[in-house]
N, C-alpha and C. Protein backbone atom coordinates (compact mmCIF):
# COMPACT_ATOMS: atom_id res chain seq x y z
N UNK A 1 0.82 -1.18 0.00
CA UNK A 1 0.00 0.00 0.00
C UNK A 1 0.87 1.25 0.00
N UNK A 2 1.22 1.71 -1.13
CA UNK A 2 2.10 2.87 -1.20
C UNK A 2 1.36 4.17 -0.93
N UNK A 3 0.04 4.23 -1.14
CA UNK A 3 -0.71 5.46 -0.92
C UNK A 3 -1.09 5.68 0.53
N UNK A 4 -0.99 4.66 1.34
CA UNK A 4 -1.40 4.77 2.74
C UNK A 4 -0.18 5.11 3.59
N UNK A 5 -0.30 6.18 4.37
CA UNK A 5 0.80 6.56 5.26
C UNK A 5 0.28 6.61 6.68
N UNK A 6 1.11 6.28 7.65
CA UNK A 6 0.66 6.32 9.04
C UNK A 6 0.41 7.76 9.46
N UNK A 7 -0.48 7.97 10.44
CA UNK A 7 -0.75 9.34 10.88
C UNK A 7 0.51 9.97 11.45
N UNK A 8 0.77 11.19 11.04
CA UNK A 8 1.96 11.87 11.52
C UNK A 8 1.67 12.51 12.86
N UNK A 9 2.73 12.92 13.54
CA UNK A 9 2.57 13.55 14.84
C UNK A 9 1.93 14.92 14.73
N UNK A 10 2.08 15.57 13.58
CA UNK A 10 1.51 16.89 13.38
C UNK A 10 0.30 16.84 12.46
N UNK A 11 -0.55 15.83 12.61
CA UNK A 11 -1.73 15.72 11.76
C UNK A 11 -2.68 16.89 11.98
N UNK A 12 -2.74 17.42 13.19
CA UNK A 12 -3.60 18.57 13.46
C UNK A 12 -3.10 19.78 12.70
N UNK A 13 -1.80 19.93 12.56
CA UNK A 13 -1.25 21.05 11.81
C UNK A 13 -1.64 20.95 10.34
N UNK A 14 -1.61 19.75 9.79
CA UNK A 14 -2.02 19.55 8.40
C UNK A 14 -3.49 19.92 8.20
N UNK A 15 -4.33 19.50 9.12
CA UNK A 15 -5.75 19.80 9.03
C UNK A 15 -5.99 21.30 9.12
N UNK A 16 -5.29 21.95 10.04
CA UNK A 16 -5.46 23.40 10.20
C UNK A 16 -4.97 24.14 8.96
N UNK A 17 -3.90 23.68 8.35
CA UNK A 17 -3.41 24.33 7.13
C UNK A 17 -4.45 24.26 6.01
N UNK A 18 -5.09 23.09 5.85
CA UNK A 18 -6.13 22.97 4.84
C UNK A 18 -7.33 23.85 5.18
N UNK A 19 -7.66 23.95 6.45
CA UNK A 19 -8.78 24.79 6.85
C UNK A 19 -8.50 26.26 6.57
N UNK A 20 -7.28 26.70 6.85
CA UNK A 20 -6.90 28.09 6.55
C UNK A 20 -6.96 28.33 5.04
N UNK A 21 -6.49 27.37 4.28
CA UNK A 21 -6.58 27.48 2.82
C UNK A 21 -8.04 27.64 2.39
N UNK A 22 -8.93 26.89 3.00
CA UNK A 22 -10.36 27.00 2.68
C UNK A 22 -10.92 28.35 3.10
N UNK A 23 -10.44 28.87 4.23
CA UNK A 23 -10.89 30.19 4.69
C UNK A 23 -10.55 31.28 3.68
N UNK A 24 -9.51 31.07 2.91
CA UNK A 24 -9.12 32.04 1.88
C UNK A 24 -9.82 31.73 0.57
N UNK A 25 -9.87 30.45 0.21
CA UNK A 25 -10.39 30.06 -1.10
C UNK A 25 -11.91 30.27 -1.22
N UNK A 26 -12.65 29.90 -0.21
CA UNK A 26 -14.12 29.98 -0.31
C UNK A 26 -14.61 31.40 -0.55
N UNK A 27 -14.15 32.40 0.20
CA UNK A 27 -14.61 33.77 -0.10
C UNK A 27 -14.20 34.25 -1.51
N UNK A 28 -13.01 33.85 -1.96
CA UNK A 28 -12.58 34.23 -3.31
C UNK A 28 -13.53 33.64 -4.35
N UNK A 29 -13.89 32.37 -4.17
CA UNK A 29 -14.81 31.72 -5.10
C UNK A 29 -16.18 32.38 -5.03
N UNK A 30 -16.63 32.72 -3.81
CA UNK A 30 -17.92 33.40 -3.68
C UNK A 30 -17.91 34.75 -4.41
N UNK A 31 -16.84 35.49 -4.26
CA UNK A 31 -16.73 36.77 -4.96
C UNK A 31 -16.68 36.56 -6.48
N UNK A 32 -15.97 35.53 -6.92
CA UNK A 32 -15.84 35.24 -8.33
C UNK A 32 -17.22 34.97 -8.97
N UNK A 33 -18.08 34.28 -8.20
CA UNK A 33 -19.39 33.94 -8.74
C UNK A 33 -20.46 34.97 -8.41
N UNK A 34 -20.05 36.15 -7.96
CA UNK A 34 -20.99 37.26 -7.85
C UNK A 34 -21.60 37.49 -6.49
N UNK A 35 -21.10 36.87 -5.45
CA UNK A 35 -21.61 37.12 -4.11
C UNK A 35 -21.15 38.50 -3.65
N UNK A 36 -21.83 39.05 -2.67
CA UNK A 36 -21.44 40.36 -2.17
C UNK A 36 -20.17 40.27 -1.34
N UNK A 37 -19.50 41.40 -1.22
CA UNK A 37 -18.29 41.46 -0.42
C UNK A 37 -18.60 41.18 1.06
N UNK A 38 -19.73 41.69 1.53
CA UNK A 38 -20.12 41.45 2.93
C UNK A 38 -20.42 39.97 3.17
N UNK A 39 -21.06 39.33 2.22
CA UNK A 39 -21.35 37.90 2.34
C UNK A 39 -20.09 37.06 2.35
N UNK A 40 -19.15 37.41 1.47
CA UNK A 40 -17.89 36.68 1.42
C UNK A 40 -17.08 36.91 2.69
N UNK A 41 -17.09 38.16 3.21
CA UNK A 41 -16.36 38.46 4.45
C UNK A 41 -17.00 37.72 5.64
N UNK A 42 -18.31 37.68 5.69
CA UNK A 42 -19.00 36.94 6.76
C UNK A 42 -18.69 35.46 6.71
N UNK A 43 -18.66 34.93 5.50
CA UNK A 43 -18.30 33.51 5.34
C UNK A 43 -16.87 33.25 5.80
N UNK A 44 -15.96 34.16 5.44
CA UNK A 44 -14.56 34.02 5.86
C UNK A 44 -14.44 34.05 7.38
N UNK A 45 -15.17 34.97 8.02
CA UNK A 45 -15.13 35.04 9.49
C UNK A 45 -15.71 33.78 10.13
N UNK A 46 -16.80 33.29 9.58
CA UNK A 46 -17.40 32.06 10.10
C UNK A 46 -16.47 30.86 9.97
N UNK A 47 -15.85 30.74 8.80
CA UNK A 47 -14.90 29.64 8.60
C UNK A 47 -13.69 29.77 9.52
N UNK A 48 -13.23 31.00 9.72
CA UNK A 48 -12.09 31.21 10.62
C UNK A 48 -12.45 30.83 12.06
N UNK A 49 -13.66 31.14 12.49
CA UNK A 49 -14.09 30.78 13.85
C UNK A 49 -14.18 29.26 14.00
N UNK A 50 -14.75 28.60 13.01
CA UNK A 50 -14.85 27.13 13.06
C UNK A 50 -13.45 26.52 13.05
N UNK A 51 -12.56 27.05 12.24
CA UNK A 51 -11.18 26.56 12.18
C UNK A 51 -10.48 26.70 13.53
N UNK A 52 -10.68 27.83 14.18
CA UNK A 52 -10.03 28.06 15.48
C UNK A 52 -10.55 27.07 16.52
N UNK A 53 -11.85 26.84 16.55
CA UNK A 53 -12.42 25.89 17.52
C UNK A 53 -11.92 24.47 17.23
N UNK A 54 -11.90 24.10 15.96
CA UNK A 54 -11.41 22.76 15.60
C UNK A 54 -9.94 22.59 15.96
N UNK A 55 -9.16 23.64 15.78
CA UNK A 55 -7.74 23.58 16.14
C UNK A 55 -7.57 23.32 17.63
N UNK A 56 -8.35 24.03 18.45
CA UNK A 56 -8.27 23.84 19.91
C UNK A 56 -8.66 22.41 20.26
N UNK A 57 -9.75 21.92 19.68
CA UNK A 57 -10.20 20.56 19.99
C UNK A 57 -9.19 19.50 19.52
N UNK A 58 -8.59 19.71 18.37
CA UNK A 58 -7.57 18.76 17.89
C UNK A 58 -6.36 18.74 18.81
N UNK A 59 -5.91 19.91 19.26
CA UNK A 59 -4.76 19.96 20.17
C UNK A 59 -5.08 19.26 21.49
N UNK A 60 -6.27 19.48 22.02
CA UNK A 60 -6.66 18.80 23.26
C UNK A 60 -6.69 17.30 23.06
N UNK A 61 -7.21 16.87 21.92
CA UNK A 61 -7.27 15.44 21.63
C UNK A 61 -5.88 14.84 21.52
N UNK A 62 -4.96 15.54 20.87
CA UNK A 62 -3.60 15.04 20.76
C UNK A 62 -2.92 14.95 22.12
N UNK A 63 -3.13 15.96 22.97
CA UNK A 63 -2.53 15.92 24.31
C UNK A 63 -3.12 14.77 25.12
N UNK A 64 -4.42 14.55 25.01
CA UNK A 64 -5.04 13.44 25.72
C UNK A 64 -4.53 12.09 25.24
N UNK A 65 -4.37 11.96 23.94
CA UNK A 65 -3.84 10.70 23.39
C UNK A 65 -2.41 10.48 23.83
N UNK A 66 -1.60 11.54 23.85
CA UNK A 66 -0.21 11.40 24.28
C UNK A 66 -0.14 11.04 25.76
N UNK A 67 -1.02 11.63 26.56
CA UNK A 67 -1.05 11.32 27.99
C UNK A 67 -1.46 9.87 28.21
N UNK A 68 -2.46 9.41 27.47
CA UNK A 68 -2.91 8.02 27.59
C UNK A 68 -1.81 7.05 27.17
N UNK A 69 -1.11 7.38 26.11
CA UNK A 69 -0.01 6.53 25.65
C UNK A 69 1.11 6.48 26.68
N UNK A 70 1.39 7.62 27.32
CA UNK A 70 2.44 7.66 28.34
C UNK A 70 2.03 6.84 29.57
N UNK A 71 0.75 6.89 29.93
CA UNK A 71 0.28 6.10 31.08
C UNK A 71 0.33 4.61 30.78
N UNK A 72 0.02 4.22 29.55
CA UNK A 72 0.05 2.81 29.20
C UNK A 72 1.47 2.26 29.15
N UNK A 73 2.43 3.08 28.76
CA UNK A 73 3.80 2.59 28.66
C UNK A 73 4.54 2.68 29.99
N UNK A 74 4.01 3.40 30.96
CA UNK A 74 4.65 3.51 32.28
C UNK A 74 4.47 2.21 33.04
N UNK A 75 5.46 1.82 33.85
CA UNK A 75 5.31 0.59 34.63
C UNK A 75 4.20 0.75 35.67
N UNK A 76 3.44 -0.32 35.83
CA UNK A 76 2.34 -0.30 36.79
C UNK A 76 2.85 -0.66 38.17
N UNK A 77 2.63 0.20 39.11
CA UNK A 77 2.98 -0.09 40.49
C UNK A 77 2.07 0.72 41.39
N UNK A 78 2.08 0.35 42.62
CA UNK A 78 1.21 1.04 43.56
C UNK A 78 0.44 0.04 44.40
N UNK A 79 -0.40 0.55 45.22
CA UNK A 79 -1.07 -0.33 46.18
C UNK A 79 -2.22 -1.10 45.58
N UNK A 80 -2.66 -0.78 44.39
CA UNK A 80 -3.79 -1.49 43.81
C UNK A 80 -3.35 -2.68 42.97
N UNK A 81 -2.07 -2.93 42.91
CA UNK A 81 -1.56 -4.05 42.15
C UNK A 81 -1.69 -5.33 42.96
N UNK A 82 -2.24 -6.35 42.37
CA UNK A 82 -2.41 -7.64 43.06
C UNK A 82 -1.44 -8.65 42.47
N UNK A 83 -0.88 -9.49 43.34
CA UNK A 83 0.09 -10.48 42.91
C UNK A 83 -0.57 -11.65 42.20
N UNK A 84 -1.79 -11.94 42.51
CA UNK A 84 -2.49 -13.05 41.88
C UNK A 84 -3.92 -13.08 42.34
N UNK A 85 -4.66 -14.09 41.90
CA UNK A 85 -6.07 -14.13 42.24
C UNK A 85 -6.28 -14.50 43.71
N UNK A 86 -5.37 -15.25 44.30
CA UNK A 86 -5.54 -15.65 45.69
C UNK A 86 -4.86 -14.73 46.69
N UNK A 87 -4.26 -13.69 46.26
CA UNK A 87 -3.53 -12.80 47.16
C UNK A 87 -4.51 -11.85 47.84
N UNK A 88 -4.74 -12.09 49.13
CA UNK A 88 -5.64 -11.23 49.89
C UNK A 88 -5.02 -10.92 51.23
N UNK A 89 -5.43 -9.82 51.80
CA UNK A 89 -4.96 -9.44 53.12
C UNK A 89 -6.12 -9.50 54.10
N UNK A 90 -5.78 -9.82 55.31
CA UNK A 90 -6.79 -9.79 56.37
C UNK A 90 -7.86 -10.84 56.15
N UNK A 91 -8.96 -10.67 56.83
CA UNK A 91 -10.06 -11.62 56.68
C UNK A 91 -9.87 -12.83 57.58
N UNK A 92 -10.76 -13.73 57.49
CA UNK A 92 -10.75 -14.93 58.31
C UNK A 92 -10.13 -16.08 57.55
N UNK A 93 -9.19 -16.73 58.20
CA UNK A 93 -8.51 -17.85 57.58
C UNK A 93 -8.95 -19.14 58.27
N UNK A 94 -9.27 -20.12 57.50
CA UNK A 94 -9.63 -21.42 58.06
C UNK A 94 -8.53 -22.41 57.74
N UNK A 95 -8.46 -23.43 58.56
CA UNK A 95 -7.45 -24.44 58.33
C UNK A 95 -6.18 -24.07 59.06
N UNK A 96 -5.11 -24.73 58.70
CA UNK A 96 -3.83 -24.41 59.32
C UNK A 96 -3.72 -25.03 60.70
N UNK A 97 -3.29 -24.28 61.74
CA UNK A 97 -3.03 -24.78 63.07
C UNK A 97 -4.20 -24.61 64.02
N UNK A 98 -5.38 -24.28 63.53
CA UNK A 98 -6.52 -24.08 64.45
C UNK A 98 -7.06 -25.43 64.90
N UNK A 99 -7.41 -25.52 66.20
CA UNK A 99 -7.94 -26.80 66.71
C UNK A 99 -9.35 -27.06 66.17
N UNK A 100 -9.64 -28.33 65.99
CA UNK A 100 -10.95 -28.72 65.50
C UNK A 100 -11.74 -29.25 66.67
N UNK A 101 -12.96 -28.71 66.86
CA UNK A 101 -13.77 -29.14 67.98
C UNK A 101 -14.83 -30.10 67.59
């Protein structure tokens, strides 16, 4: 599969670049086809606002994914780690050296 490439670390940057390109291209096309200058400017502002929100959400998503990946690769330790299914503390133990009545 030569056309398929793995996602890059800066995939959000690529998406934002295309969005900025669209923010410029769409109003130009609207003007070319006879739309008003105010309509094209409003469209450009709307696209820029959507692009900014998407950029923020993409960055948050990348940071969350990186944090999750770092947590998964970190060694697990702490008090919630169990040695096995029978490893328990406290409680009542039967058997052993207790007298049978």
